[in-house]
Amino acid sequence: TEVSDAGSVPNLKFTNQNDQPVFLLDGEELVGAKQNRVLNLSVLAPANSDLIIPVSCVEQGRWSHQSEHFESANRSQYSRGRAMKAAQVSSSMKRQSGPRSDQGRIWDDISNKSAAFGVRSDSGAMSDIYESLDQKIEDFIQNLSPQEDQVGLMVGINDRIAGIDIFDKPQTLKKLFPKLVRSYALDALEQSQITTEPISDSLSADFLHTVFKTPTKSFPAVGLGEDLRFEGQMVAGGVLEVDGDI
C-alpha cells in the first residue's frame, strides 16, 4: 500500500502476513494505488512484519487512488531502465542517501521509450508501452522457457549483452522467468532489426569477467540480508545475499 493517505512517491509499505519471508524482485512493477511503481532493489521481506520499501514511479501523470492496494504486474521494468536505475541506486547508497533513484531521469527515459514506439499515454505510464505491444511480447514468452535445472539467464540483444539475472534455485527463476523475458523483450523490439544468432562464448565470458572484477560494496539490505552493490563503466547491479544464498 501507500505509506499513508498522503502517500510518498519513493516509498511504499509492504505488509507480510505470512509465516515465511516473501521475495520482491528488483524492477518488479506494482500497479494501482496512487501511481504505478517499480522496486529499486530486490527485497526479502521478513515474516509477519511491515516494511517500508524503496521504489521509483513509472507513471508520472497520476497521483490519485486507483485502488487501495497494489498488485504485482506480470512484468518488470525494461532491462535498459533497470540497468540505469541500478547504477543510480548504487551511487545513492554510496553517498549514504539510501536506495534512491533519479526520478526525473526515469520519467525522461519512459517518455523516450514511449516516443520510440509511438505510444501516447495520458499518465506517462510504462504499463501503456507494454500493453500496446502485448502480442509481440507474448511471442517471446511462447518461444522461451527455462531448462529444468536453470537458475539464471544471460540475455543478448543482437551483439550486446543486455543483462544477467541469477537466483538461488530453479523454482525462483521459473516463477520470475516470464516477467524477466518481458523486460528484455521490450528492449529487443525497439531494435530496427533483431538477429537470432546465439551469444558467443567469448562475449559471455568477457561480460562475466567484467562483472566479477567490478568492485563491490556491502550495505544492510532493506529487509533481510546484505545488499552487495557494484557499479563500473560497463556494468551496474546488485546482489541480495541472505545466509550465504543469493
Protein backbone atom coordinates (compact mmCIF):
# COMPACT_ATOMS: atom_id res chain seq x y z
CA THR A 1 0.00 0.00 0.00
CA GLU A 2 0.94 3.67 0.06
CA VAL A 3 2.73 4.59 3.29
CA SER A 4 -0.16 6.90 4.29
CA ASP A 5 -3.22 8.66 2.88
CA ALA A 6 -0.93 11.41 1.60
CA GLY A 7 1.49 8.89 0.11
CA SER A 8 5.20 9.17 -0.70
CA VAL A 9 6.50 8.72 -4.24
CA PRO A 10 9.78 6.92 -3.32
CA ASN A 11 8.34 4.68 -0.59
CA LEU A 12 5.64 2.03 -0.18
CA LYS A 13 4.54 -0.10 2.77
CA PHE A 14 4.70 -3.86 2.33
CA THR A 15 2.83 -5.97 4.87
CA ASN A 16 3.83 -9.62 5.01
CA GLN A 17 1.17 -11.62 6.85
CA ASN A 18 2.82 -14.95 6.01
CA ASP A 19 4.86 -17.11 8.36
CA GLN A 20 7.64 -17.13 5.73
CA PRO A 21 9.70 -14.32 4.17
CA VAL A 22 8.49 -13.02 0.79
CA PHE A 23 10.83 -12.17 -2.10
CA LEU A 24 10.29 -8.98 -4.12
CA LEU A 25 12.24 -8.59 -7.37
CA ASP A 26 14.31 -5.56 -8.34
CA GLY A 27 12.38 -3.78 -11.10
CA GLU A 28 9.12 -5.64 -10.45
CA GLU A 29 6.19 -3.37 -11.32
CA LEU A 30 3.49 -2.72 -8.72
CA VAL A 31 0.30 -1.25 -10.21
CA GLY A 32 -2.57 0.61 -8.54
CA ALA A 33 -2.91 2.88 -5.50
CA LYS A 34 -1.87 6.47 -6.34
CA GLN A 35 0.59 5.67 -9.14
CA ASN A 36 2.45 2.66 -10.53
CA ARG A 37 5.95 1.98 -9.13
CA VAL A 38 8.89 -0.38 -9.61
CA LEU A 39 11.14 -1.75 -6.86
CA ASN A 40 14.54 -0.09 -6.59
CA LEU A 41 16.24 -3.31 -5.46
CA SER A 42 15.46 -6.88 -4.51
CA VAL A 43 13.99 -7.39 -1.05
CA LEU A 44 13.36 -10.38 1.20
CA ALA A 45 10.60 -9.14 3.49
CA PRO A 46 10.61 -10.76 6.97
CA ALA A 47 7.68 -12.92 8.05
CA ASN A 48 4.78 -11.27 9.89
CA SER A 49 6.04 -7.72 9.55
CA ASP A 50 5.57 -4.32 7.96
CA LEU A 51 8.40 -2.98 5.82
CA ILE A 52 8.97 0.33 4.01
CA ILE A 53 10.34 -0.49 0.56
CA PRO A 54 12.13 1.94 -1.83
CA VAL A 55 10.50 2.38 -5.23
CA SER A 56 10.50 4.58 -8.32
CA CYS A 57 7.46 5.98 -10.10
CA VAL A 58 6.74 4.73 -13.63
CA GLU A 59 3.54 6.72 -14.10
CA GLN A 60 4.29 10.43 -13.98
CA GLY A 61 0.85 11.90 -14.68
CA ARG A 62 -1.30 10.28 -11.97
CA TRP A 63 -1.46 10.96 -8.23
CA SER A 64 -4.89 9.71 -7.21
CA HIS A 65 -6.12 6.45 -5.75
CA GLN A 66 -6.96 3.85 -8.37
CA SER A 67 -7.19 1.14 -5.72
CA GLU A 68 -6.41 0.69 -2.03
CA HIS A 69 -3.71 -1.90 -2.61
CA PHE A 70 -1.07 -2.55 -5.25
CA GLU A 71 -0.97 -5.63 -7.40
CA SER A 72 2.15 -7.19 -8.86
CA ALA A 73 2.12 -6.85 -12.65
CA ASN A 74 3.19 -9.67 -14.97
CA ARG A 75 6.29 -7.71 -15.97
CA SER A 76 9.29 -5.84 -14.60
CA GLN A 77 10.95 -2.62 -15.70
CA TYR A 78 12.53 -2.99 -19.14
CA SER A 79 16.14 -4.11 -18.94
CA ARG A 80 17.82 -0.89 -20.06
CA GLY A 81 15.83 1.06 -17.47
CA ARG A 82 16.69 -1.49 -14.78
CA ALA A 83 20.39 -1.09 -15.57
CA MET A 84 20.16 2.71 -15.39
CA LYS A 85 18.24 2.54 -12.11
CA ALA A 86 20.73 0.05 -10.63
CA ALA A 87 23.58 2.48 -11.22
CA GLN A 88 21.59 5.34 -9.70
CA VAL A 89 20.66 3.31 -6.61
CA SER A 90 24.26 2.14 -6.10
CA SER A 91 25.54 5.72 -6.33
CA SER A 92 22.88 6.92 -3.89
CA MET A 93 23.76 4.20 -1.37
CA LYS A 94 27.46 5.04 -1.61
CA ARG A 95 26.57 8.66 -0.80
CA GLN A 96 24.64 7.34 2.24
CA SER A 97 21.43 8.74 0.74
CA GLY A 98 19.64 5.42 0.82
CA PRO A 99 18.49 3.25 -2.13
CA ARG A 100 17.15 6.13 -4.21
CA SER A 101 16.89 6.56 -7.96
CA ASP A 102 17.00 9.70 -10.10
CA GLN A 103 13.25 10.01 -10.56
CA GLY A 104 13.47 12.71 -13.24
CA ARG A 105 15.77 10.60 -15.41
CA ILE A 106 13.46 7.60 -15.07
CA TRP A 107 10.48 9.65 -16.24
CA ASP A 108 12.52 11.02 -19.15
CA ASP A 109 13.60 7.50 -20.11
CA ILE A 110 10.00 6.25 -20.12
CA SER A 111 8.98 9.25 -22.21
CA ASN A 112 11.71 8.45 -24.73
CA LYS A 113 10.63 4.81 -24.79
CA SER A 114 7.02 5.81 -25.45
CA ALA A 115 8.13 8.08 -28.30
CA ALA A 116 10.26 5.32 -29.84
CA PHE A 117 7.20 3.07 -30.08
CA GLY A 118 4.75 5.86 -30.93
CA VAL A 119 2.75 5.21 -27.74
CA ARG A 120 0.69 8.03 -26.22
CA SER A 121 -0.13 7.71 -22.53
CA ASP A 122 -2.26 10.25 -20.67
CA SER A 123 -0.43 9.46 -17.43
CA GLY A 124 3.01 8.73 -18.88
CA ALA A 125 2.69 5.13 -17.72
CA MET A 126 5.28 2.49 -18.57
CA SER A 127 2.43 -0.04 -18.48
CA ASP A 128 0.87 1.56 -21.57
CA ILE A 129 4.00 0.77 -23.59
CA TYR A 130 3.88 -2.88 -22.59
CA GLU A 131 0.15 -3.17 -23.24
CA SER A 132 0.47 -1.62 -26.71
CA LEU A 133 2.97 -4.35 -27.65
CA ASP A 134 1.35 -7.16 -25.70
CA GLN A 135 1.03 -9.70 -28.53
CA LYS A 136 4.56 -9.17 -29.83
CA ILE A 137 5.96 -9.53 -26.31
CA GLU A 138 3.92 -12.68 -25.68
CA ASP A 139 5.57 -14.24 -28.75
CA PHE A 140 8.82 -14.16 -26.76
CA ILE A 141 7.11 -15.86 -23.80
CA GLN A 142 5.74 -18.61 -26.03
CA ASN A 143 9.16 -19.33 -27.52
CA LEU A 144 11.35 -19.16 -24.42
CA SER A 145 11.27 -21.30 -21.29
CA PRO A 146 13.83 -22.21 -18.59
CA GLN A 147 15.56 -25.58 -18.50
CA GLU A 148 14.84 -27.94 -15.61
CA ASP A 149 17.90 -27.05 -13.51
CA GLN A 150 18.37 -23.47 -14.73
CA VAL A 151 18.91 -20.84 -12.03
CA GLY A 152 19.72 -17.77 -14.15
CA LEU A 153 19.77 -16.24 -17.59
CA MET A 154 22.10 -14.05 -19.61
CA VAL A 155 20.37 -12.16 -22.39
CA GLY A 156 21.90 -10.80 -25.56
CA ILE A 157 20.13 -8.38 -27.89
CA ASN A 158 21.89 -8.52 -31.23
CA ASP A 159 25.63 -8.30 -30.47
CA ARG A 160 25.40 -6.87 -26.96
CA ILE A 161 24.75 -8.35 -23.52
CA ALA A 162 21.62 -6.73 -22.10
CA GLY A 163 21.87 -8.23 -18.63
CA ILE A 164 22.10 -11.22 -16.36
CA ASP A 165 19.76 -12.43 -13.61
CA ILE A 166 20.73 -15.23 -11.19
CA PHE A 167 18.68 -16.76 -8.38
CA ASP A 168 19.03 -19.23 -5.53
CA LYS A 169 17.25 -22.18 -7.12
CA PRO A 170 15.38 -23.23 -10.30
CA GLN A 171 11.94 -22.67 -8.75
CA THR A 172 12.68 -18.98 -8.20
CA LEU A 173 13.76 -18.45 -11.80
CA LYS A 174 10.79 -20.42 -13.14
CA LYS A 175 8.40 -18.21 -11.18
CA LEU A 176 10.01 -14.95 -12.36
CA PHE A 177 11.10 -16.02 -15.85
CA PRO A 178 8.10 -14.54 -17.75
CA LYS A 179 8.48 -11.15 -16.02
CA LEU A 180 12.16 -11.02 -16.90
CA VAL A 181 11.65 -12.13 -20.51
CA ARG A 182 9.08 -9.35 -20.98
CA SER A 183 11.58 -6.80 -19.65
CA TYR A 184 14.20 -7.85 -22.20
CA ALA A 185 11.65 -8.29 -25.00
CA LEU A 186 10.60 -4.63 -24.82
CA ASP A 187 14.19 -3.51 -25.42
CA ALA A 188 14.63 -6.08 -28.19
CA LEU A 189 11.52 -4.83 -30.01
CA GLU A 190 12.95 -1.32 -30.05
CA GLN A 191 15.73 -2.51 -32.39
CA SER A 192 15.14 -1.96 -36.10
CA GLN A 193 16.31 -5.50 -36.75
CA ILE A 194 16.78 -8.47 -34.43
CA THR A 195 19.35 -11.17 -35.14
CA THR A 196 18.75 -14.68 -33.86
CA GLU A 197 22.37 -15.75 -33.57
CA PRO A 198 23.26 -17.10 -30.10
CA ILE A 199 25.59 -15.16 -27.81
CA SER A 200 29.18 -16.21 -28.43
CA ASP A 201 31.08 -17.96 -25.66
CA SER A 202 33.76 -15.26 -25.74
CA LEU A 203 31.21 -12.45 -25.37
CA SER A 204 29.57 -14.26 -22.44
CA ALA A 205 32.92 -14.88 -20.77
CA ASP A 206 34.03 -11.27 -21.24
CA PHE A 207 30.82 -9.99 -19.70
CA LEU A 208 31.09 -12.28 -16.66
CA HIS A 209 34.74 -11.29 -16.23
CA THR A 210 33.71 -7.63 -16.24
CA VAL A 211 31.07 -8.31 -13.58
CA PHE A 212 33.44 -10.29 -11.36
CA LYS A 213 36.21 -7.68 -11.46
CA THR A 214 33.90 -4.73 -10.70
CA PRO A 215 34.40 -3.53 -7.09
CA THR A 216 31.58 -4.48 -4.73
CA LYS A 217 30.42 -2.73 -1.58
CA SER A 218 28.13 -4.22 1.07
CA PHE A 219 25.17 -2.44 2.67
CA PRO A 220 22.47 -3.59 5.11
CA ALA A 221 19.58 -4.81 3.00
CA VAL A 222 16.05 -3.47 3.07
CA GLY A 223 14.55 -6.39 4.94
CA LEU A 224 16.67 -9.50 5.47
CA GLY A 225 20.31 -9.96 4.45
CA GLU A 226 23.05 -7.85 2.88
CA ASP A 227 22.82 -5.81 -0.33
CA LEU A 228 26.02 -6.04 -2.36
CA ARG A 229 26.24 -3.23 -4.92
CA PHE A 230 28.60 -2.99 -7.87
CA GLU A 231 28.97 -0.13 -10.32
CA GLY A 232 31.53 0.34 -13.08
CA GLN A 233 31.89 1.86 -16.53
CA MET A 234 30.30 -1.14 -18.26
CA VAL A 235 28.04 -2.79 -15.66
CA ALA A 236 25.88 -1.95 -12.66
CA GLY A 237 23.80 -4.10 -10.40
CA GLY A 238 23.20 -5.62 -7.02
CA VAL A 239 23.12 -8.91 -5.16
CA LEU A 240 20.82 -9.71 -2.26
CA GLU A 241 22.62 -12.21 -0.04
CA VAL A 242 20.80 -13.92 2.84
CA ASP A 243 22.54 -16.58 4.95
CA GLY A 244 25.04 -17.29 2.19
CA ASP A 245 22.41 -17.64 -0.56
CA ILE A 246 21.87 -15.22 -3.46
